[in-house]
PDB file of all heavy atoms in Angstrom:
ATOM      1  N   VAL A   1      97.871  97.285 106.581  1.00  0.00           N
ATOM      2  CA  VAL A   1      98.488  98.553 106.790  1.00  0.00           C
ATOM      3  C   VAL A   1      99.890  98.606 106.086  1.00  0.00           C
ATOM      4  O   VAL A   1     100.316  99.549 105.488  1.00  0.00           O
ATOM      5  CB  VAL A   1      98.697  98.918 108.293  1.00  0.00           C
ATOM      6  CG1 VAL A   1      99.517 100.187 108.549  1.00  0.00           C
ATOM      7  CG2 VAL A   1      97.266  99.068 108.907  1.00  0.00           C
ATOM      8  N   ASN A   2     100.620  97.428 106.259  1.00  0.00           N
ATOM      9  CA  ASN A   2     101.915  97.298 105.565  1.00  0.00           C
ATOM     10  C   ASN A   2     101.787  97.538 104.087  1.00  0.00           C
ATOM     11  O   ASN A   2     102.649  98.176 103.536  1.00  0.00           O
ATOM     12  CB  ASN A   2     102.513  95.922 105.877  1.00  0.00           C
ATOM     13  CG  ASN A   2     103.361  95.892 107.101  1.00  0.00           C
ATOM     14  OD1 ASN A   2     103.943  96.927 107.414  1.00  0.00           O
ATOM     15  ND2 ASN A   2     103.441  94.716 107.741  1.00  0.00           N
ATOM     16  N   ASP A   3     100.740  96.951 103.483  1.00  0.00           N
ATOM     17  CA  ASP A   3     100.575  97.116 102.066  1.00  0.00           C
ATOM     18  C   ASP A   3     100.378  98.624 101.709  1.00  0.00           C
ATOM     19  O   ASP A   3     100.898  99.078 100.703  1.00  0.00           O
ATOM     20  CB  ASP A   3      99.395  96.319 101.594  1.00  0.00           C
ATOM     21  CG  ASP A   3      99.698  94.832 101.667  1.00  0.00           C
ATOM     22  OD1 ASP A   3     100.897  94.504 101.703  1.00  0.00           O
ATOM     23  OD2 ASP A   3      98.729  94.038 101.694  1.00  0.00           O
ATOM     24  N   VAL A   4      99.659  99.312 102.598  1.00  0.00           N
ATOM     25  CA  VAL A   4      99.380 100.681 102.318  1.00  0.00           C
ATOM     26  C   VAL A   4     100.684 101.512 102.493  1.00  0.00           C
ATOM     27  O   VAL A   4     100.904 102.462 101.683  1.00  0.00           O
ATOM     28  CB  VAL A   4      98.349 101.249 103.348  1.00  0.00           C
ATOM     29  CG1 VAL A   4      98.102 102.768 103.121  1.00  0.00           C
ATOM     30  CG2 VAL A   4      96.915 100.542 102.998  1.00  0.00           C
ATOM     31  N   LEU A   5     101.427 101.188 103.504  1.00  0.00           N
ATOM     32  CA  LEU A   5     102.673 101.949 103.813  1.00  0.00           C
ATOM     33  C   LEU A   5     103.833 101.616 102.872  1.00  0.00           C
ATOM     34  O   LEU A   5     104.811 102.392 102.858  1.00  0.00           O
ATOM     35  CB  LEU A   5     103.139 101.734 105.235  1.00  0.00           C
ATOM     36  CG  LEU A   5     102.207 102.345 106.314  1.00  0.00           C
ATOM     37  CD1 LEU A   5     102.746 102.042 107.638  1.00  0.00           C
ATOM     38  CD2 LEU A   5     102.088 103.876 106.143  1.00  0.00           C
ATOM     39  N   ALA A   6     103.810 100.478 102.249  1.00  0.00           N
ATOM     40  CA  ALA A   6     104.912 100.030 101.412  1.00  0.00           C
ATOM     41  C   ALA A   6     105.431 101.068 100.421  1.00  0.00           C
ATOM     42  O   ALA A   6     106.624 101.402 100.331  1.00  0.00           O
ATOM     43  CB  ALA A   6     104.631  98.714 100.672  1.00  0.00           C
ATOM     44  N   PRO A   7     104.553 101.698  99.585  1.00  0.00           N
ATOM     45  CA  PRO A   7     105.061 102.733  98.649  1.00  0.00           C
ATOM     46  C   PRO A   7     105.689 103.895  99.377  1.00  0.00           C
ATOM     47  O   PRO A   7     106.733 104.428  98.965  1.00  0.00           O
ATOM     48  CB  PRO A   7     103.757 103.138  97.898  1.00  0.00           C
ATOM     49  CG  PRO A   7     102.832 101.949  98.058  1.00  0.00           C
ATOM     50  CD  PRO A   7     103.118 101.416  99.424  1.00  0.00           C
ATOM     51  N   ALA A   8     105.138 104.288 100.538  1.00  0.00           N
ATOM     52  CA  ALA A   8     105.675 105.430 101.276  1.00  0.00           C
ATOM     53  C   ALA A   8     107.065 105.012 101.781  1.00  0.00           C
ATOM     54  O   ALA A   8     108.030 105.878 101.748  1.00  0.00           O
ATOM     55  CB  ALA A   8     104.751 105.849 102.392  1.00  0.00           C
ATOM     56  N   ARG A   9     107.234 103.795 102.368  1.00  0.00           N
ATOM     57  CA  ARG A   9     108.512 103.378 102.862  1.00  0.00           C
ATOM     58  C   ARG A   9     109.516 103.362 101.738  1.00  0.00           C
ATOM     59  O   ARG A   9     110.689 103.694 101.973  1.00  0.00           O
ATOM     60  CB  ARG A   9     108.301 101.940 103.465  1.00  0.00           C
ATOM     61  CG  ARG A   9     107.714 101.954 104.844  1.00  0.00           C
ATOM     62  CD  ARG A   9     108.062 100.694 105.619  1.00  0.00           C
ATOM     63  NE  ARG A   9     107.819  99.489 104.876  1.00  0.00           N
ATOM     64  CZ  ARG A   9     106.699  98.779 104.794  1.00  0.00           C
ATOM     65  NH1 ARG A   9     105.722  99.168 105.601  1.00  0.00           N
ATOM     66  NH2 ARG A   9     106.550  97.734 104.068  1.00  0.00           N
ATOM     67  N   ASP A  10     109.070 102.884 100.561  1.00  0.00           N
ATOM     68  CA  ASP A  10     110.003 102.859  99.444  1.00  0.00           C
ATOM     69  C   ASP A  10     110.533 104.250  99.084  1.00  0.00           C
ATOM     70  O   ASP A  10     111.692 104.481  98.750  1.00  0.00           O
ATOM     71  CB  ASP A  10     109.333 102.204  98.264  1.00  0.00           C
ATOM     72  CG  ASP A  10     109.124 100.731  98.441  1.00  0.00           C
ATOM     73  OD1 ASP A  10     109.702 100.199  99.433  1.00  0.00           O
ATOM     74  OD2 ASP A  10     108.303 100.149  97.727  1.00  0.00           O
ATOM     75  N   VAL A  11     109.553 105.201  99.098  1.00  0.00           N
ATOM     76  CA  VAL A  11     109.961 106.594  98.771  1.00  0.00           C
ATOM     77  C   VAL A  11     110.935 107.138  99.849  1.00  0.00           C
ATOM     78  O   VAL A  11     111.991 107.712  99.475  1.00  0.00           O
ATOM     79  CB  VAL A  11     108.735 107.506  98.732  1.00  0.00           C
ATOM     80  CG1 VAL A  11     109.169 109.032  98.599  1.00  0.00           C
ATOM     81  CG2 VAL A  11     107.861 107.110  97.559  1.00  0.00           C
ATOM     82  N   VAL A  12     110.628 106.921 101.129  1.00  0.00           N
ATOM     83  CA  VAL A  12     111.501 107.393 102.233  1.00  0.00           C
ATOM     84  C   VAL A  12     112.928 106.724 102.059  1.00  0.00           C
ATOM     85  O   VAL A  12     113.937 107.380 102.212  1.00  0.00           O
ATOM     86  CB  VAL A  12     110.889 107.114 103.612  1.00  0.00           C
ATOM     87  CG1 VAL A  12     111.864 107.387 104.678  1.00  0.00           C
ATOM     88  CG2 VAL A  12     109.640 107.939 103.753  1.00  0.00           C
ATOM     89  N   ALA A  13     112.932 105.438 101.817  1.00  0.00           N
ATOM     90  CA  ALA A  13     114.207 104.672 101.698  1.00  0.00           C
ATOM     91  C   ALA A  13     115.031 105.249 100.537  1.00  0.00           C
ATOM     92  O   ALA A  13     116.238 105.375 100.592  1.00  0.00           O
ATOM     93  CB  ALA A  13     113.960 103.199 101.460  1.00  0.00           C
ATOM     94  N   ALA A  14     114.275 105.573  99.429  1.00  0.00           N
ATOM     95  CA  ALA A  14     114.975 106.079  98.264  1.00  0.00           C
ATOM     96  C   ALA A  14     115.680 107.434  98.574  1.00  0.00           C
ATOM     97  O   ALA A  14     116.696 107.791  98.029  1.00  0.00           O
ATOM     98  CB  ALA A  14     114.074 106.217  97.081  1.00  0.00           C
ATOM     99  N   VAL A  15     114.981 108.171  99.388  1.00  0.00           N
ATOM    100  CA  VAL A  15     115.512 109.533  99.807  1.00  0.00           C
ATOM    101  C   VAL A  15     116.684 109.402 100.753  1.00  0.00           C
ATOM    102  O   VAL A  15     117.751 110.041 100.641  1.00  0.00           O
ATOM    103  CB  VAL A  15     114.394 110.451 100.365  1.00  0.00           C
ATOM    104  CG1 VAL A  15     115.041 111.737 100.923  1.00  0.00           C
ATOM    105  CG2 VAL A  15     113.397 110.681  99.319  1.00  0.00           C
ATOM    106  N   VAL A  16     116.493 108.519 101.771  1.00  0.00           N
ATOM    107  CA  VAL A  16     117.504 108.443 102.871  1.00  0.00           C
ATOM    108  C   VAL A  16     118.697 107.693 102.384  1.00  0.00           C
ATOM    109  O   VAL A  16     119.800 107.988 102.835  1.00  0.00           O
ATOM    110  CB  VAL A  16     116.807 107.730 104.029  1.00  0.00           C
ATOM    111  CG1 VAL A  16     117.871 107.374 105.121  1.00  0.00           C
ATOM    112  CG2 VAL A  16     115.667 108.575 104.599  1.00  0.00           C
ATOM    113  N   ARG A  17     118.487 106.654 101.593  1.00  0.00           N
ATOM    114  CA  ARG A  17     119.694 105.743 101.192  1.00  0.00           C
ATOM    115  C   ARG A  17     120.866 106.598 100.569  1.00  0.00           C
ATOM    116  O   ARG A  17     122.023 106.396 100.967  1.00  0.00           O
ATOM    117  CB  ARG A  17     119.262 104.704 100.190  1.00  0.00           C
ATOM    118  CG  ARG A  17     120.381 103.684  99.931  1.00  0.00           C
ATOM    119  CD  ARG A  17     119.877 102.601  98.962  1.00  0.00           C
ATOM    120  NE  ARG A  17     118.771 101.823  99.482  1.00  0.00           N
ATOM    121  CZ  ARG A  17     117.542 101.954  99.036  1.00  0.00           C
ATOM    122  NH1 ARG A  17     117.278 102.721  97.937  1.00  0.00           N
ATOM    123  NH2 ARG A  17     116.566 101.240  99.514  1.00  0.00           N
ATOM    124  N   PRO A  18     120.632 107.511  99.588  1.00  0.00           N
ATOM    125  CA  PRO A  18     121.770 108.286  99.047  1.00  0.00           C
ATOM    126  C   PRO A  18     122.456 109.088 100.106  1.00  0.00           C
ATOM    127  O   PRO A  18     123.660 109.296 100.068  1.00  0.00           O
ATOM    128  CB  PRO A  18     121.136 109.180  97.970  1.00  0.00           C
ATOM    129  CG  PRO A  18     119.871 108.472  97.591  1.00  0.00           C
ATOM    130  CD  PRO A  18     119.373 107.780  98.879  1.00  0.00           C
ATOM    131  N   ILE A  19     121.693 109.667 101.043  1.00  0.00           N
ATOM    132  CA  ILE A  19     122.254 110.515 102.138  1.00  0.00           C
ATOM    133  C   ILE A  19     123.250 109.626 102.931  1.00  0.00           C
ATOM    134  O   ILE A  19     124.310 109.955 103.285  1.00  0.00           O
ATOM    135  CB  ILE A  19     121.178 111.061 102.962  1.00  0.00           C
ATOM    136  CG1 ILE A  19     120.354 112.062 102.155  1.00  0.00           C
ATOM    137  CG2 ILE A  19     121.784 111.839 104.171  1.00  0.00           C
ATOM    138  CD1 ILE A  19     119.149 112.648 102.898  1.00  0.00           C
ATOM    139  N   GLY A  20     122.764 108.399 103.278  1.00  0.00           N
ATOM    140  CA  GLY A  20     123.552 107.438 104.063  1.00  0.00           C
ATOM    141  C   GLY A  20     124.812 107.098 103.294  1.00  0.00           C
ATOM    142  O   GLY A  20     125.904 106.989 103.902  1.00  0.00           O
ATOM    143  N   ASN A  21     124.623 106.770 101.978  1.00  0.00           N
ATOM    144  CA  ASN A  21     125.847 106.432 101.191  1.00  0.00           C
ATOM    145  C   ASN A  21     126.836 107.558 101.058  1.00  0.00           C
ATOM    146  O   ASN A  21     128.032 107.382 101.112  1.00  0.00           O
ATOM    147  CB  ASN A  21     125.324 106.000  99.733  1.00  0.00           C
ATOM    148  CG  ASN A  21     124.615 104.702  99.715  1.00  0.00           C
ATOM    149  OD1 ASN A  21     124.733 103.914 100.710  1.00  0.00           O
ATOM    150  ND2 ASN A  21     123.799 104.516  98.758  1.00  0.00           N
ATOM    151  N   ALA A  22     126.278 108.829 100.976  1.00  0.00           N
ATOM    152  CA  ALA A  22     127.212 109.958 100.852  1.00  0.00           C
ATOM    153  C   ALA A  22     127.972 110.110 102.176  1.00  0.00           C
ATOM    154  O   ALA A  22     129.178 110.404 102.198  1.00  0.00           O
ATOM    155  CB  ALA A  22     126.357 111.213 100.586  1.00  0.00           C
ATOM    156  N   VAL A  23     127.217 109.996 103.314  1.00  0.00           N
ATOM    157  CA  VAL A  23     127.941 110.096 104.601  1.00  0.00           C
ATOM    158  C   VAL A  23     129.044 108.988 104.740  1.00  0.00           C
ATOM    159  O   VAL A  23     130.120 109.227 105.169  1.00  0.00           O
ATOM    160  CB  VAL A  23     126.910 109.965 105.787  1.00  0.00           C
ATOM    161  CG1 VAL A  23     127.675 109.937 107.120  1.00  0.00           C
ATOM    162  CG2 VAL A  23     125.996 111.199 105.771  1.00  0.00           C
ATOM    163  N   SER A  24     128.683 107.762 104.326  1.00  0.00           N
ATOM    164  CA  SER A  24     129.614 106.658 104.389  1.00  0.00           C
ATOM    165  C   SER A  24     130.855 106.978 103.424  1.00  0.00           C
ATOM    166  O   SER A  24     131.990 106.744 103.791  1.00  0.00           O
ATOM    167  CB  SER A  24     128.966 105.427 103.993  1.00  0.00           C
ATOM    168  OG  SER A  24     129.897 104.309 103.953  1.00  0.00           O
ATOM    169  N   SER A  25     130.491 107.555 102.302  1.00  0.00           N
ATOM    170  CA  SER A  25     131.569 107.839 101.287  1.00  0.00           C
ATOM    171  C   SER A  25     132.454 108.844 101.853  1.00  0.00           C
ATOM    172  O   SER A  25     133.729 108.781 101.723  1.00  0.00           O
ATOM    173  CB  SER A  25     130.899 108.308  99.982  1.00  0.00           C
ATOM    174  OG  SER A  25     131.966 108.777  99.138  1.00  0.00           O
ATOM    175  N   PHE A  26     131.904 109.960 102.481  1.00  0.00           N
ATOM    176  CA  PHE A  26     132.764 110.947 103.067  1.00  0.00           C
ATOM    177  C   PHE A  26     133.702 110.442 104.141  1.00  0.00           C
ATOM    178  O   PHE A  26     134.798 110.692 104.274  1.00  0.00           O
ATOM    179  CB  PHE A  26     131.957 112.109 103.596  1.00  0.00           C
ATOM    180  CG  PHE A  26     131.391 112.997 102.548  1.00  0.00           C
ATOM    181  CD1 PHE A  26     130.000 113.394 102.556  1.00  0.00           C
ATOM    182  CD2 PHE A  26     132.136 113.454 101.491  1.00  0.00           C
ATOM    183  CE1 PHE A  26     129.502 114.242 101.520  1.00  0.00           C
ATOM    184  CE2 PHE A  26     131.683 114.267 100.501  1.00  0.00           C
ATOM    185  CZ  PHE A  26     130.350 114.698 100.562  1.00  0.00           C
ATOM    186  N   THR A  27     133.096 109.567 104.949  1.00  0.00           N
ATOM    187  CA  THR A  27     133.824 108.900 106.035  1.00  0.00           C
ATOM    188  C   THR A  27     134.984 108.111 105.523  1.00  0.00           C
ATOM    189  O   THR A  27     136.126 108.173 105.954  1.00  0.00           O
ATOM    190  CB  THR A  27     132.927 108.048 106.923  1.00  0.00           C
ATOM    191  OG1 THR A  27     131.857 108.839 107.383  1.00  0.00           O
ATOM    192  CG2 THR A  27     133.714 107.445 108.081  1.00  0.00           C
ATOM    193  N   ASP A  28     134.649 107.204 104.460  1.00  0.00           N
ATOM    194  CA  ASP A  28     135.655 106.358 103.844  1.00  0.00           C
ATOM    195  C   ASP A  28     136.769 107.209 103.156  1.00  0.00           C
ATOM    196  O   ASP A  28     137.981 106.897 103.295  1.00  0.00           O
ATOM    197  CB  ASP A  28     135.032 105.482 102.748  1.00  0.00           C
ATOM    198  CG  ASP A  28     134.109 104.435 103.448  1.00  0.00           C
ATOM    199  OD1 ASP A  28     134.249 104.236 104.671  1.00  0.00           O
ATOM    200  OD2 ASP A  28     133.273 103.870 102.690  1.00  0.00           O
ATOM    201  N   GLU A  29     136.373 108.277 102.520  1.00  0.00           N
ATOM    202  CA  GLU A  29     137.347 109.188 101.928  1.00  0.00           C
ATOM    203  C   GLU A  29     138.300 109.833 102.868  1.00  0.00           C
ATOM    204  O   GLU A  29     139.515 109.832 102.688  1.00  0.00           O
ATOM    205  CB  GLU A  29     136.675 110.212 101.092  1.00  0.00           C
ATOM    206  CG  GLU A  29     137.639 111.107 100.325  1.00  0.00           C
ATOM    207  CD  GLU A  29     136.912 112.215  99.415  1.00  0.00           C
ATOM    208  OE1 GLU A  29     135.649 112.121  99.447  1.00  0.00           O
ATOM    209  OE2 GLU A  29     137.649 112.994  98.783  1.00  0.00           O
TER     210      GLU A  29
END
């Protein structure tokens, strides 16, 4: 199941990571 979900997890992480970085950036600024 992990193997099946891995591509989906990668897609979700790719979408969520910039949002998290942006929030962190706004906080740091």
